[in-house]
Amino acid sequence: MNLDDSIRKLERLIAIYYLGNNYVSGGVELSRAESKLVMRQIMHSLEIAEMIRDKKL
């Protein structure tokens, strides 16, 4: 998997939250607040991946 594939996967994971769904971990659905925290961490990972791709890091 290359960096662009990883970026697309991160974007899909972020979309889960913005589509109004909560994340599920180990078969347990996270609360909206917990899902927001997860989404923010994924967003941070996406920003770093994009900086690496664009050589701004």
PDB file of N, CA and C in Angstrom:
ATOM      1  N   MET A   1       0.855  -1.177   0.000  1.00  0.00           N
ATOM      2  CA  MET A   1       0.000   0.000   0.000  1.00  0.00           C
ATOM      3  C   MET A   1       0.897   1.236   0.000  1.00  0.00           C
ATOM      4  N   ASN A   2       0.609   2.156  -0.894  1.00  0.00           N
ATOM      5  CA  ASN A   2       1.401   3.375  -0.945  1.00  0.00           C
ATOM      6  C   ASN A   2       0.724   4.482  -0.126  1.00  0.00           C
ATOM      7  N   LEU A   3       1.379   5.616  -0.047  1.00  0.00           N
ATOM      8  CA  LEU A   3       0.894   6.715   0.794  1.00  0.00           C
ATOM      9  C   LEU A   3      -0.461   7.239   0.320  1.00  0.00           C
ATOM     10  N   ASP A   4      -0.662   7.320  -0.989  1.00  0.00           N
ATOM     11  CA  ASP A   4      -1.951   7.798  -1.502  1.00  0.00           C
ATOM     12  C   ASP A   4      -3.089   6.858  -1.107  1.00  0.00           C
ATOM     13  N   ASP A   5      -2.831   5.549  -1.113  1.00  0.00           N
ATOM     14  CA  ASP A   5      -3.842   4.581  -0.671  1.00  0.00           C
ATOM     15  C   ASP A   5      -4.174   4.797   0.805  1.00  0.00           C
ATOM     16  N   SER A   6      -3.142   5.037   1.603  1.00  0.00           N
ATOM     17  CA  SER A   6      -3.349   5.283   3.033  1.00  0.00           C
ATOM     18  C   SER A   6      -4.163   6.552   3.261  1.00  0.00           C
ATOM     19  N   ILE A   7      -3.873   7.577   2.490  1.00  0.00           N
ATOM     20  CA  ILE A   7      -4.610   8.836   2.608  1.00  0.00           C
ATOM     21  C   ILE A   7      -6.083   8.614   2.282  1.00  0.00           C
ATOM     22  N   ARG A   8      -6.364   7.862   1.224  1.00  0.00           N
ATOM     23  CA  ARG A   8      -7.764   7.567   0.869  1.00  0.00           C
ATOM     24  C   ARG A   8      -8.473   6.795   1.976  1.00  0.00           C
ATOM     25  N   LYS A   9      -7.774   5.837   2.591  1.00  0.00           N
ATOM     26  CA  LYS A   9      -8.376   5.063   3.688  1.00  0.00           C
ATOM     27  C   LYS A   9      -8.666   5.960   4.889  1.00  0.00           C
ATOM     28  N   LEU A  10      -7.738   6.856   5.211  1.00  0.00           N
ATOM     29  CA  LEU A  10      -7.959   7.790   6.312  1.00  0.00           C
ATOM     30  C   LEU A  10      -9.160   8.688   6.021  1.00  0.00           C
ATOM     31  N   GLU A  11      -9.272   9.153   4.781  1.00  0.00           N
ATOM     32  CA  GLU A  11     -10.408   9.997   4.412  1.00  0.00           C
ATOM     33  C   GLU A  11     -11.723   9.239   4.569  1.00  0.00           C
ATOM     34  N   ARG A  12     -11.738   7.960   4.204  1.00  0.00           N
ATOM     35  CA  ARG A  12     -12.956   7.149   4.380  1.00  0.00           C
ATOM     36  C   ARG A  12     -13.299   6.978   5.858  1.00  0.00           C
ATOM     37  N   LEU A  13     -12.279   6.805   6.681  1.00  0.00           N
ATOM     38  CA  LEU A  13     -12.521   6.669   8.124  1.00  0.00           C
ATOM     39  C   LEU A  13     -13.077   7.965   8.716  1.00  0.00           C
ATOM     40  N   ILE A  14     -12.575   9.082   8.267  1.00  0.00           N
ATOM     41  CA  ILE A  14     -13.075  10.374   8.742  1.00  0.00           C
ATOM     42  C   ILE A  14     -14.527  10.557   8.318  1.00  0.00           C
ATOM     43  N   ALA A  15     -14.849  10.127   7.100  1.00  0.00           N
ATOM     44  CA  ALA A  15     -16.212  10.276   6.578  1.00  0.00           C
ATOM     45  C   ALA A  15     -17.240   9.560   7.449  1.00  0.00           C
ATOM     46  N   ILE A  16     -16.857   8.486   8.087  1.00  0.00           N
ATOM     47  CA  ILE A  16     -17.782   7.752   8.966  1.00  0.00           C
ATOM     48  C   ILE A  16     -18.376   8.702   9.997  1.00  0.00           C
ATOM     49  N   TYR A  17     -17.521   9.489  10.628  1.00  0.00           N
ATOM     50  CA  TYR A  17     -17.981  10.420  11.659  1.00  0.00           C
ATOM     51  C   TYR A  17     -18.867  11.505  11.066  1.00  0.00           C
ATOM     52  N   TYR A  18     -18.443  12.076   9.944  1.00  0.00           N
ATOM     53  CA  TYR A  18     -19.190  13.191   9.360  1.00  0.00           C
ATOM     54  C   TYR A  18     -20.499  12.754   8.712  1.00  0.00           C
ATOM     55  N   LEU A  19     -20.637  11.463   8.464  1.00  0.00           N
ATOM     56  CA  LEU A  19     -21.909  10.949   7.966  1.00  0.00           C
ATOM     57  C   LEU A  19     -22.889  10.661   9.107  1.00  0.00           C
ATOM     58  N   GLY A  20     -22.457  10.946  10.331  1.00  0.00           N
ATOM     59  CA  GLY A  20     -23.339  10.802  11.492  1.00  0.00           C
ATOM     60  C   GLY A  20     -23.243   9.476  12.209  1.00  0.00           C
ATOM     61  N   ASN A  21     -22.271   8.656  11.820  1.00  0.00           N
ATOM     62  CA  ASN A  21     -22.117   7.356  12.475  1.00  0.00           C
ATOM     63  C   ASN A  21     -21.040   7.424  13.546  1.00  0.00           C
ATOM     64  N   ASN A  22     -21.121   6.518  14.489  1.00  0.00           N
ATOM     65  CA  ASN A  22     -20.094   6.395  15.519  1.00  0.00           C
ATOM     66  C   ASN A  22     -19.165   5.256  15.144  1.00  0.00           C
ATOM     67  N   TYR A  23     -17.960   5.289  15.673  1.00  0.00           N
ATOM     68  CA  TYR A  23     -17.000   4.230  15.429  1.00  0.00           C
ATOM     69  C   TYR A  23     -17.321   3.046  16.315  1.00  0.00           C
ATOM     70  N   VAL A  24     -16.912   1.867  15.859  1.00  0.00           N
ATOM     71  CA  VAL A  24     -17.108   0.628  16.613  1.00  0.00           C
ATOM     72  C   VAL A  24     -15.736   0.028  16.860  1.00  0.00           C
ATOM     73  N   SER A  25     -15.485  -0.339  18.104  1.00  0.00           N
ATOM     74  CA  SER A  25     -14.204  -0.940  18.473  1.00  0.00           C
ATOM     75  C   SER A  25     -14.464  -2.195  19.300  1.00  0.00           C
ATOM     76  N   GLY A  26     -13.969  -3.306  18.827  1.00  0.00           N
ATOM     77  CA  GLY A  26     -14.156  -4.557  19.553  1.00  0.00           C
ATOM     78  C   GLY A  26     -15.623  -4.934  19.699  1.00  0.00           C
ATOM     79  N   GLY A  27     -16.438  -4.557  18.732  1.00  0.00           N
ATOM     80  CA  GLY A  27     -17.862  -4.876  18.767  1.00  0.00           C
ATOM     81  C   GLY A  27     -18.685  -3.929  19.618  1.00  0.00           C
ATOM     82  N   VAL A  28     -18.048  -2.911  20.203  1.00  0.00           N
ATOM     83  CA  VAL A  28     -18.750  -1.947  21.055  1.00  0.00           C
ATOM     84  C   VAL A  28     -18.776  -0.601  20.339  1.00  0.00           C
ATOM     85  N   GLU A  29     -19.971  -0.027  20.194  1.00  0.00           N
ATOM     86  CA  GLU A  29     -20.079   1.277  19.546  1.00  0.00           C
ATOM     87  C   GLU A  29     -19.650   2.372  20.515  1.00  0.00           C
ATOM     88  N   LEU A  30     -18.760   3.230  20.047  1.00  0.00           N
ATOM     89  CA  LEU A  30     -18.292   4.342  20.866  1.00  0.00           C
ATOM     90  C   LEU A  30     -19.366   5.426  20.914  1.00  0.00           C
ATOM     91  N   SER A  31     -19.341   6.214  21.969  1.00  0.00           N
ATOM     92  CA  SER A  31     -20.271   7.334  22.069  1.00  0.00           C
ATOM     93  C   SER A  31     -19.902   8.386  21.030  1.00  0.00           C
ATOM     94  N   ARG A  32     -20.767   9.369  20.861  1.00  0.00           N
ATOM     95  CA  ARG A  32     -20.486  10.440  19.904  1.00  0.00           C
ATOM     96  C   ARG A  32     -19.233  11.209  20.317  1.00  0.00           C
ATOM     97  N   ALA A  33     -19.095  11.477  21.618  1.00  0.00           N
ATOM     98  CA  ALA A  33     -17.914  12.202  22.121  1.00  0.00           C
ATOM     99  C   ALA A  33     -16.640  11.383  21.897  1.00  0.00           C
ATOM    100  N   GLU A  34     -16.710  10.085  22.151  1.00  0.00           N
ATOM    101  CA  GLU A  34     -15.542   9.222  21.926  1.00  0.00           C
ATOM    102  C   GLU A  34     -15.213   9.145  20.436  1.00  0.00           C
ATOM    103  N   SER A  35     -16.242   9.062  19.617  1.00  0.00           N
ATOM    104  CA  SER A  35     -16.036   9.021  18.169  1.00  0.00           C
ATOM    105  C   SER A  35     -15.400  10.311  17.666  1.00  0.00           C
ATOM    106  N   LYS A  36     -15.775  11.419  18.267  1.00  0.00           N
ATOM    107  CA  LYS A  36     -15.190  12.703  17.883  1.00  0.00           C
ATOM    108  C   LYS A  36     -13.694  12.715  18.183  1.00  0.00           C
ATOM    109  N   LEU A  37     -13.304  12.169  19.329  1.00  0.00           N
ATOM    110  CA  LEU A  37     -11.882  12.092  19.676  1.00  0.00           C
ATOM    111  C   LEU A  37     -11.121  11.216  18.688  1.00  0.00           C
ATOM    112  N   VAL A  38     -11.719  10.081  18.321  1.00  0.00           N
ATOM    113  CA  VAL A  38     -11.087   9.188  17.358  1.00  0.00           C
ATOM    114  C   VAL A  38     -10.936   9.898  16.015  1.00  0.00           C
ATOM    115  N   MET A  39     -12.012  10.568  15.575  1.00  0.00           N
ATOM    116  CA  MET A  39     -11.977  11.280  14.303  1.00  0.00           C
ATOM    117  C   MET A  39     -10.875  12.337  14.300  1.00  0.00           C
ATOM    118  N   ARG A  40     -10.718  13.046  15.398  1.00  0.00           N
ATOM    119  CA  ARG A  40      -9.673  14.077  15.460  1.00  0.00           C
ATOM    120  C   ARG A  40      -8.283  13.475  15.336  1.00  0.00           C
ATOM    121  N   GLN A  41      -8.069  12.311  15.929  1.00  0.00           N
ATOM    122  CA  GLN A  41      -6.777  11.640  15.814  1.00  0.00           C
ATOM    123  C   GLN A  41      -6.543  11.168  14.389  1.00  0.00           C
ATOM    124  N   ILE A  42      -7.593  10.652  13.751  1.00  0.00           N
ATOM    125  CA  ILE A  42      -7.471  10.229  12.360  1.00  0.00           C
ATOM    126  C   ILE A  42      -7.185  11.443  11.480  1.00  0.00           C
ATOM    127  N   MET A  43      -7.853  12.559  11.753  1.00  0.00           N
ATOM    128  CA  MET A  43      -7.640  13.794  10.993  1.00  0.00           C
ATOM    129  C   MET A  43      -6.183  14.247  11.119  1.00  0.00           C
ATOM    130  N   HIS A  44      -5.644  14.150  12.316  1.00  0.00           N
ATOM    131  CA  HIS A  44      -4.244  14.521  12.540  1.00  0.00           C
ATOM    132  C   HIS A  44      -3.318  13.620  11.719  1.00  0.00           C
ATOM    133  N   SER A  45      -3.600  12.329  11.710  1.00  0.00           N
ATOM    134  CA  SER A  45      -2.809  11.386  10.917  1.00  0.00           C
ATOM    135  C   SER A  45      -2.890  11.724   9.434  1.00  0.00           C
ATOM    136  N   LEU A  46      -4.084  12.094   8.978  1.00  0.00           N
ATOM    137  CA  LEU A  46      -4.263  12.483   7.584  1.00  0.00           C
ATOM    138  C   LEU A  46      -3.432  13.717   7.255  1.00  0.00           C
ATOM    139  N   GLU A  47      -3.452  14.714   8.127  1.00  0.00           N
ATOM    140  CA  GLU A  47      -2.670  15.929   7.891  1.00  0.00           C
ATOM    141  C   GLU A  47      -1.181  15.625   7.790  1.00  0.00           C
ATOM    142  N   ILE A  48      -0.686  14.756   8.653  1.00  0.00           N
ATOM    143  CA  ILE A  48       0.736  14.387   8.607  1.00  0.00           C
ATOM    144  C   ILE A  48       1.039  13.638   7.316  1.00  0.00           C
ATOM    145  N   ALA A  49       0.173  12.705   6.935  1.00  0.00           N
ATOM    146  CA  ALA A  49       0.375  11.947   5.697  1.00  0.00           C
ATOM    147  C   ALA A  49       0.403  12.876   4.495  1.00  0.00           C
ATOM    148  N   GLU A  50      -0.495  13.860   4.474  1.00  0.00           N
ATOM    149  CA  GLU A  50      -0.517  14.805   3.356  1.00  0.00           C
ATOM    150  C   GLU A  50       0.730  15.679   3.335  1.00  0.00           C
ATOM    151  N   MET A  51       1.235  16.065   4.507  1.00  0.00           N
ATOM    152  CA  MET A  51       2.468  16.847   4.560  1.00  0.00           C
ATOM    153  C   MET A  51       3.652  16.025   4.042  1.00  0.00           C
ATOM    154  N   ILE A  52       3.687  14.765   4.414  1.00  0.00           N
ATOM    155  CA  ILE A  52       4.767  13.902   3.933  1.00  0.00           C
ATOM    156  C   ILE A  52       4.666  13.772   2.423  1.00  0.00           C
ATOM    157  N   ARG A  53       3.458  13.531   1.930  1.00  0.00           N
ATOM    158  CA  ARG A  53       3.251  13.391   0.480  1.00  0.00           C
ATOM    159  C   ARG A  53       3.687  14.658  -0.257  1.00  0.00           C
ATOM    160  N   ASP A  54       3.364  15.793   0.325  1.00  0.00           N
ATOM    161  CA  ASP A  54       3.676  17.071  -0.304  1.00  0.00           C
ATOM    162  C   ASP A  54       5.054  17.602   0.090  1.00  0.00           C
ATOM    163  N   LYS A  55       5.789  16.809   0.877  1.00  0.00           N
ATOM    164  CA  LYS A  55       7.150  17.147   1.319  1.00  0.00           C
ATOM    165  C   LYS A  55       7.223  18.446   2.100  1.00  0.00           C
ATOM    166  N   LYS A  56       6.200  18.703   2.909  1.00  0.00           N
ATOM    167  CA  LYS A  56       6.180  19.920   3.724  1.00  0.00           C
ATOM    168  C   LYS A  56       6.557  19.630   5.168  1.00  0.00           C
ATOM    169  N   LEU A  57       6.901  18.410   5.469  1.00  0.00           N
ATOM    170  CA  LEU A  57       7.241  18.044   6.846  1.00  0.00           C
ATOM    171  C   LEU A  57       8.742  18.010   7.010  1.00  0.00           C
TER     172      LEU A  57
END
